Amino acid sequence: MSEFVNGLLRLRRGPWEIVASILIAIGVVMLMQDVALWLYTYSFIVTLVGTVMFIVVSHFPE
């Protein structure tokens, strides 16, 4: 866990790609649920932020 946090603080590609992937997955789950309208409303924004974040962090050093 310490290595993961250290990688986040040092702007390394691996940990930030994991965070971006989790955001994308959360956005997709929000899109598929039918319980709360506000989750569905913000699902596209969360997925878009995760996708753009993944593109940006793919240029970080390993």
PDB file of N, CA and C in Angstrom:
ATOM      1  N   MET A   1       0.829  -1.193   0.000  1.00  0.00           N
ATOM      2  CA  MET A   1       0.000   0.000   0.000  1.00  0.00           C
ATOM      3  C   MET A   1       0.869   1.251   0.000  1.00  0.00           C
ATOM      4  N   SER A   2       1.942   1.220   0.740  1.00  0.00           N
ATOM      5  CA  SER A   2       2.841   2.361   0.797  1.00  0.00           C
ATOM      6  C   SER A   2       3.461   2.634  -0.570  1.00  0.00           C
ATOM      7  N   GLU A   3       3.777   1.569  -1.305  1.00  0.00           N
ATOM      8  CA  GLU A   3       4.354   1.729  -2.644  1.00  0.00           C
ATOM      9  C   GLU A   3       3.348   2.375  -3.595  1.00  0.00           C
ATOM     10  N   PHE A   4       2.069   2.017  -3.445  1.00  0.00           N
ATOM     11  CA  PHE A   4       1.018   2.607  -4.281  1.00  0.00           C
ATOM     12  C   PHE A   4       0.897   4.107  -4.018  1.00  0.00           C
ATOM     13  N   VAL A   5       0.841   4.496  -2.754  1.00  0.00           N
ATOM     14  CA  VAL A   5       0.730   5.919  -2.391  1.00  0.00           C
ATOM     15  C   VAL A   5       1.982   6.669  -2.809  1.00  0.00           C
ATOM     16  N   ASN A   6       3.136   6.048  -2.639  1.00  0.00           N
ATOM     17  CA  ASN A   6       4.387   6.665  -3.057  1.00  0.00           C
ATOM     18  C   ASN A   6       4.396   6.890  -4.577  1.00  0.00           C
ATOM     19  N   GLY A   7       3.863   5.945  -5.336  1.00  0.00           N
ATOM     20  CA  GLY A   7       3.775   6.101  -6.784  1.00  0.00           C
ATOM     21  C   GLY A   7       2.826   7.212  -7.191  1.00  0.00           C
ATOM     22  N   LEU A   8       1.745   7.366  -6.427  1.00  0.00           N
ATOM     23  CA  LEU A   8       0.817   8.472  -6.702  1.00  0.00           C
ATOM     24  C   LEU A   8       1.488   9.817  -6.457  1.00  0.00           C
ATOM     25  N   LEU A   9       2.202   9.913  -5.359  1.00  0.00           N
ATOM     26  CA  LEU A   9       2.844  11.176  -5.010  1.00  0.00           C
ATOM     27  C   LEU A   9       3.983  11.527  -5.963  1.00  0.00           C
ATOM     28  N   ARG A  10       4.632  10.525  -6.507  1.00  0.00           N
ATOM     29  CA  ARG A  10       5.744  10.766  -7.425  1.00  0.00           C
ATOM     30  C   ARG A  10       5.296  10.807  -8.895  1.00  0.00           C
ATOM     31  N   LEU A  11       3.991  10.818  -9.115  1.00  0.00           N
ATOM     32  CA  LEU A  11       3.398  10.886 -10.461  1.00  0.00           C
ATOM     33  C   LEU A  11       3.927   9.787 -11.380  1.00  0.00           C
ATOM     34  N   ARG A  12       3.811   8.554 -10.925  1.00  0.00           N
ATOM     35  CA  ARG A  12       4.215   7.408 -11.736  1.00  0.00           C
ATOM     36  C   ARG A  12       3.008   6.868 -12.486  1.00  0.00           C
ATOM     37  N   ARG A  13       3.259   6.262 -13.625  1.00  0.00           N
ATOM     38  CA  ARG A  13       2.190   5.835 -14.525  1.00  0.00           C
ATOM     39  C   ARG A  13       1.303   4.753 -13.934  1.00  0.00           C
ATOM     40  N   GLY A  14       1.866   3.725 -13.357  1.00  0.00           N
ATOM     41  CA  GLY A  14       1.104   2.565 -12.893  1.00  0.00           C
ATOM     42  C   GLY A  14      -0.031   2.883 -11.931  1.00  0.00           C
ATOM     43  N   PRO A  15       0.269   3.521 -10.806  1.00  0.00           N
ATOM     44  CA  PRO A  15      -0.811   3.814  -9.847  1.00  0.00           C
ATOM     45  C   PRO A  15      -1.881   4.748 -10.413  1.00  0.00           C
ATOM     46  N   TRP A  16      -1.481   5.735 -11.198  1.00  0.00           N
ATOM     47  CA  TRP A  16      -2.464   6.670 -11.759  1.00  0.00           C
ATOM     48  C   TRP A  16      -3.328   6.001 -12.816  1.00  0.00           C
ATOM     49  N   GLU A  17      -2.772   5.036 -13.572  1.00  0.00           N
ATOM     50  CA  GLU A  17      -3.597   4.289 -14.532  1.00  0.00           C
ATOM     51  C   GLU A  17      -4.634   3.448 -13.800  1.00  0.00           C
ATOM     52  N   ILE A  18      -4.277   2.916 -12.646  1.00  0.00           N
ATOM     53  CA  ILE A  18      -5.234   2.144 -11.852  1.00  0.00           C
ATOM     54  C   ILE A  18      -6.379   3.044 -11.385  1.00  0.00           C
ATOM     55  N   VAL A  19      -6.052   4.246 -10.908  1.00  0.00           N
ATOM     56  CA  VAL A  19      -7.085   5.190 -10.463  1.00  0.00           C
ATOM     57  C   VAL A  19      -7.995   5.564 -11.628  1.00  0.00           C
ATOM     58  N   ALA A  20      -7.406   5.840 -12.797  1.00  0.00           N
ATOM     59  CA  ALA A  20      -8.209   6.196 -13.971  1.00  0.00           C
ATOM     60  C   ALA A  20      -9.106   5.033 -14.398  1.00  0.00           C
ATOM     61  N   SER A  21      -8.588   3.816 -14.357  1.00  0.00           N
ATOM     62  CA  SER A  21      -9.392   2.646 -14.724  1.00  0.00           C
ATOM     63  C   SER A  21     -10.552   2.437 -13.763  1.00  0.00           C
ATOM     64  N   ILE A  22     -10.306   2.673 -12.481  1.00  0.00           N
ATOM     65  CA  ILE A  22     -11.380   2.551 -11.490  1.00  0.00           C
ATOM     66  C   ILE A  22     -12.456   3.598 -11.747  1.00  0.00           C
ATOM     67  N   LEU A  23     -12.053   4.816 -12.093  1.00  0.00           N
ATOM     68  CA  LEU A  23     -13.034   5.857 -12.420  1.00  0.00           C
ATOM     69  C   LEU A  23     -13.881   5.466 -13.629  1.00  0.00           C
ATOM     70  N   ILE A  24     -13.251   4.912 -14.645  1.00  0.00           N
ATOM     71  CA  ILE A  24     -13.992   4.460 -15.834  1.00  0.00           C
ATOM     72  C   ILE A  24     -14.985   3.377 -15.446  1.00  0.00           C
ATOM     73  N   ALA A  25     -14.553   2.417 -14.639  1.00  0.00           N
ATOM     74  CA  ALA A  25     -15.440   1.331 -14.221  1.00  0.00           C
ATOM     75  C   ALA A  25     -16.605   1.851 -13.382  1.00  0.00           C
ATOM     76  N   ILE A  26     -16.339   2.796 -12.489  1.00  0.00           N
ATOM     77  CA  ILE A  26     -17.413   3.381 -11.680  1.00  0.00           C
ATOM     78  C   ILE A  26     -18.414   4.097 -12.578  1.00  0.00           C
ATOM     79  N   GLY A  27     -17.922   4.826 -13.573  1.00  0.00           N
ATOM     80  CA  GLY A  27     -18.817   5.518 -14.499  1.00  0.00           C
ATOM     81  C   GLY A  27     -19.709   4.566 -15.270  1.00  0.00           C
ATOM     82  N   VAL A  28     -19.153   3.436 -15.694  1.00  0.00           N
ATOM     83  CA  VAL A  28     -19.954   2.449 -16.424  1.00  0.00           C
ATOM     84  C   VAL A  28     -21.011   1.824 -15.520  1.00  0.00           C
ATOM     85  N   VAL A  29     -20.645   1.519 -14.277  1.00  0.00           N
ATOM     86  CA  VAL A  29     -21.615   0.965 -13.331  1.00  0.00           C
ATOM     87  C   VAL A  29     -22.717   1.985 -13.056  1.00  0.00           C
ATOM     88  N   MET A  30     -22.339   3.252 -12.912  1.00  0.00           N
ATOM     89  CA  MET A  30     -23.341   4.299 -12.711  1.00  0.00           C
ATOM     90  C   MET A  30     -24.294   4.388 -13.902  1.00  0.00           C
ATOM     91  N   LEU A  31     -23.779   4.168 -15.094  1.00  0.00           N
ATOM     92  CA  LEU A  31     -24.602   4.233 -16.298  1.00  0.00           C
ATOM     93  C   LEU A  31     -25.596   3.080 -16.363  1.00  0.00           C
ATOM     94  N   MET A  32     -25.217   1.909 -15.863  1.00  0.00           N
ATOM     95  CA  MET A  32     -26.068   0.718 -16.005  1.00  0.00           C
ATOM     96  C   MET A  32     -27.089   0.559 -14.888  1.00  0.00           C
ATOM     97  N   GLN A  33     -26.945   1.285 -13.795  1.00  0.00           N
ATOM     98  CA  GLN A  33     -27.880   1.113 -12.680  1.00  0.00           C
ATOM     99  C   GLN A  33     -29.189   1.845 -12.976  1.00  0.00           C
ATOM    100  N   ASP A  34     -30.236   1.439 -12.318  1.00  0.00           N
ATOM    101  CA  ASP A  34     -31.540   2.069 -12.541  1.00  0.00           C
ATOM    102  C   ASP A  34     -32.211   2.488 -11.229  1.00  0.00           C
ATOM    103  N   VAL A  35     -31.416   2.745 -10.205  1.00  0.00           N
ATOM    104  CA  VAL A  35     -31.963   3.080  -8.894  1.00  0.00           C
ATOM    105  C   VAL A  35     -31.999   4.585  -8.669  1.00  0.00           C
ATOM    106  N   ALA A  36     -30.906   5.262  -8.944  1.00  0.00           N
ATOM    107  CA  ALA A  36     -30.811   6.692  -8.648  1.00  0.00           C
ATOM    108  C   ALA A  36     -30.559   7.466  -9.942  1.00  0.00           C
ATOM    109  N   LEU A  37     -31.418   8.425 -10.203  1.00  0.00           N
ATOM    110  CA  LEU A  37     -31.288   9.221 -11.422  1.00  0.00           C
ATOM    111  C   LEU A  37     -30.033  10.082 -11.395  1.00  0.00           C
ATOM    112  N   TRP A  38     -29.643  10.584 -10.230  1.00  0.00           N
ATOM    113  CA  TRP A  38     -28.459  11.441 -10.170  1.00  0.00           C
ATOM    114  C   TRP A  38     -27.184  10.664 -10.507  1.00  0.00           C
ATOM    115  N   LEU A  39     -27.137   9.361 -10.170  1.00  0.00           N
ATOM    116  CA  LEU A  39     -25.984   8.544 -10.572  1.00  0.00           C
ATOM    117  C   LEU A  39     -25.920   8.409 -12.088  1.00  0.00           C
ATOM    118  N   TYR A  40     -27.063   8.180 -12.693  1.00  0.00           N
ATOM    119  CA  TYR A  40     -27.128   8.081 -14.149  1.00  0.00           C
ATOM    120  C   TYR A  40     -26.752   9.416 -14.796  1.00  0.00           C
ATOM    121  N   THR A  41     -27.174  10.507 -14.181  1.00  0.00           N
ATOM    122  CA  THR A  41     -26.906  11.831 -14.736  1.00  0.00           C
ATOM    123  C   THR A  41     -25.407  12.123 -14.795  1.00  0.00           C
ATOM    124  N   TYR A  42     -24.676  11.765 -13.762  1.00  0.00           N
ATOM    125  CA  TYR A  42     -23.246  12.058 -13.708  1.00  0.00           C
ATOM    126  C   TYR A  42     -22.363  10.935 -14.247  1.00  0.00           C
ATOM    127  N   SER A  43     -22.934   9.866 -14.744  1.00  0.00           N
ATOM    128  CA  SER A  43     -22.142   8.731 -15.206  1.00  0.00           C
ATOM    129  C   SER A  43     -21.268   9.078 -16.401  1.00  0.00           C
ATOM    130  N   PHE A  44     -21.802   9.862 -17.330  1.00  0.00           N
ATOM    131  CA  PHE A  44     -21.012  10.221 -18.509  1.00  0.00           C
ATOM    132  C   PHE A  44     -19.820  11.087 -18.119  1.00  0.00           C
ATOM    133  N   ILE A  45     -20.027  12.019 -17.204  1.00  0.00           N
ATOM    134  CA  ILE A  45     -18.941  12.905 -16.772  1.00  0.00           C
ATOM    135  C   ILE A  45     -17.844  12.102 -16.078  1.00  0.00           C
ATOM    136  N   VAL A  46     -18.232  11.169 -15.222  1.00  0.00           N
ATOM    137  CA  VAL A  46     -17.245  10.351 -14.512  1.00  0.00           C
ATOM    138  C   VAL A  46     -16.463   9.483 -15.495  1.00  0.00           C
ATOM    139  N   THR A  47     -17.151   8.887 -16.459  1.00  0.00           N
ATOM    140  CA  THR A  47     -16.473   8.072 -17.465  1.00  0.00           C
ATOM    141  C   THR A  47     -15.545   8.924 -18.321  1.00  0.00           C
ATOM    142  N   LEU A  48     -15.996  10.105 -18.691  1.00  0.00           N
ATOM    143  CA  LEU A  48     -15.168  11.000 -19.500  1.00  0.00           C
ATOM    144  C   LEU A  48     -13.929  11.461 -18.742  1.00  0.00           C
ATOM    145  N   VAL A  49     -14.080  11.809 -17.476  1.00  0.00           N
ATOM    146  CA  VAL A  49     -12.934  12.220 -16.665  1.00  0.00           C
ATOM    147  C   VAL A  49     -11.935  11.070 -16.541  1.00  0.00           C
ATOM    148  N   GLY A  50     -12.424   9.859 -16.319  1.00  0.00           N
ATOM    149  CA  GLY A  50     -11.532   8.704 -16.232  1.00  0.00           C
ATOM    150  C   GLY A  50     -10.797   8.438 -17.528  1.00  0.00           C
ATOM    151  N   THR A  51     -11.477   8.605 -18.654  1.00  0.00           N
ATOM    152  CA  THR A  51     -10.849   8.374 -19.958  1.00  0.00           C
ATOM    153  C   THR A  51      -9.784   9.421 -20.256  1.00  0.00           C
ATOM    154  N   VAL A  52     -10.120  10.681 -20.036  1.00  0.00           N
ATOM    155  CA  VAL A  52      -9.139  11.748 -20.269  1.00  0.00           C
ATOM    156  C   VAL A  52      -7.962  11.598 -19.311  1.00  0.00           C
ATOM    157  N   MET A  53      -8.254  11.240 -18.075  1.00  0.00           N
ATOM    158  CA  MET A  53      -7.190  11.032 -17.094  1.00  0.00           C
ATOM    159  C   MET A  53      -6.269   9.895 -17.537  1.00  0.00           C
ATOM    160  N   PHE A  54      -6.848   8.810 -18.073  1.00  0.00           N
ATOM    161  CA  PHE A  54      -6.031   7.691 -18.538  1.00  0.00           C
ATOM    162  C   PHE A  54      -5.131   8.120 -19.684  1.00  0.00           C
ATOM    163  N   ILE A  55      -5.644   8.940 -20.594  1.00  0.00           N
ATOM    164  CA  ILE A  55      -4.834   9.422 -21.714  1.00  0.00           C
ATOM    165  C   ILE A  55      -3.690  10.285 -21.206  1.00  0.00           C
ATOM    166  N   VAL A  56      -3.972  11.154 -20.256  1.00  0.00           N
ATOM    167  CA  VAL A  56      -2.929  12.042 -19.729  1.00  0.00           C
ATOM    168  C   VAL A  56      -1.867  11.267 -18.980  1.00  0.00           C
ATOM    169  N   VAL A  57      -2.274  10.356 -18.092  1.00  0.00           N
ATOM    170  CA  VAL A  57      -1.281   9.644 -17.275  1.00  0.00           C
ATOM    171  C   VAL A  57      -0.515   8.606 -18.068  1.00  0.00           C
ATOM    172  N   SER A  58      -0.976   8.264 -19.254  1.00  0.00           N
ATOM    173  CA  SER A  58      -0.196   7.333 -20.069  1.00  0.00           C
ATOM    174  C   SER A  58       1.114   7.978 -20.547  1.00  0.00           C
ATOM    175  N   HIS A  59       1.253   9.291 -20.377  1.00  0.00           N
ATOM    176  CA  HIS A  59       2.477   9.988 -20.734  1.00  0.00           C
ATOM    177  C   HIS A  59       3.399  10.205 -19.528  1.00  0.00           C
ATOM    178  N   PHE A  60       2.973   9.761 -18.343  1.00  0.00           N
ATOM    179  CA  PHE A  60       3.803   9.869 -17.150  1.00  0.00           C
ATOM    180  C   PHE A  60       4.949   8.859 -17.244  1.00  0.00           C
ATOM    181  N   PRO A  61       6.051   9.112 -16.547  1.00  0.00           N
ATOM    182  CA  PRO A  61       7.146   8.133 -16.537  1.00  0.00           C
ATOM    183  C   PRO A  61       6.786   6.897 -15.712  1.00  0.00           C
ATOM    184  N   GLU A  62       7.398   5.791 -16.061  1.00  0.00           N
ATOM    185  CA  GLU A  62       7.156   4.561 -15.307  1.00  0.00           C
ATOM    186  C   GLU A  62       7.974   4.577 -14.094  1.00  0.00           C
TER     187      GLU A  62
END
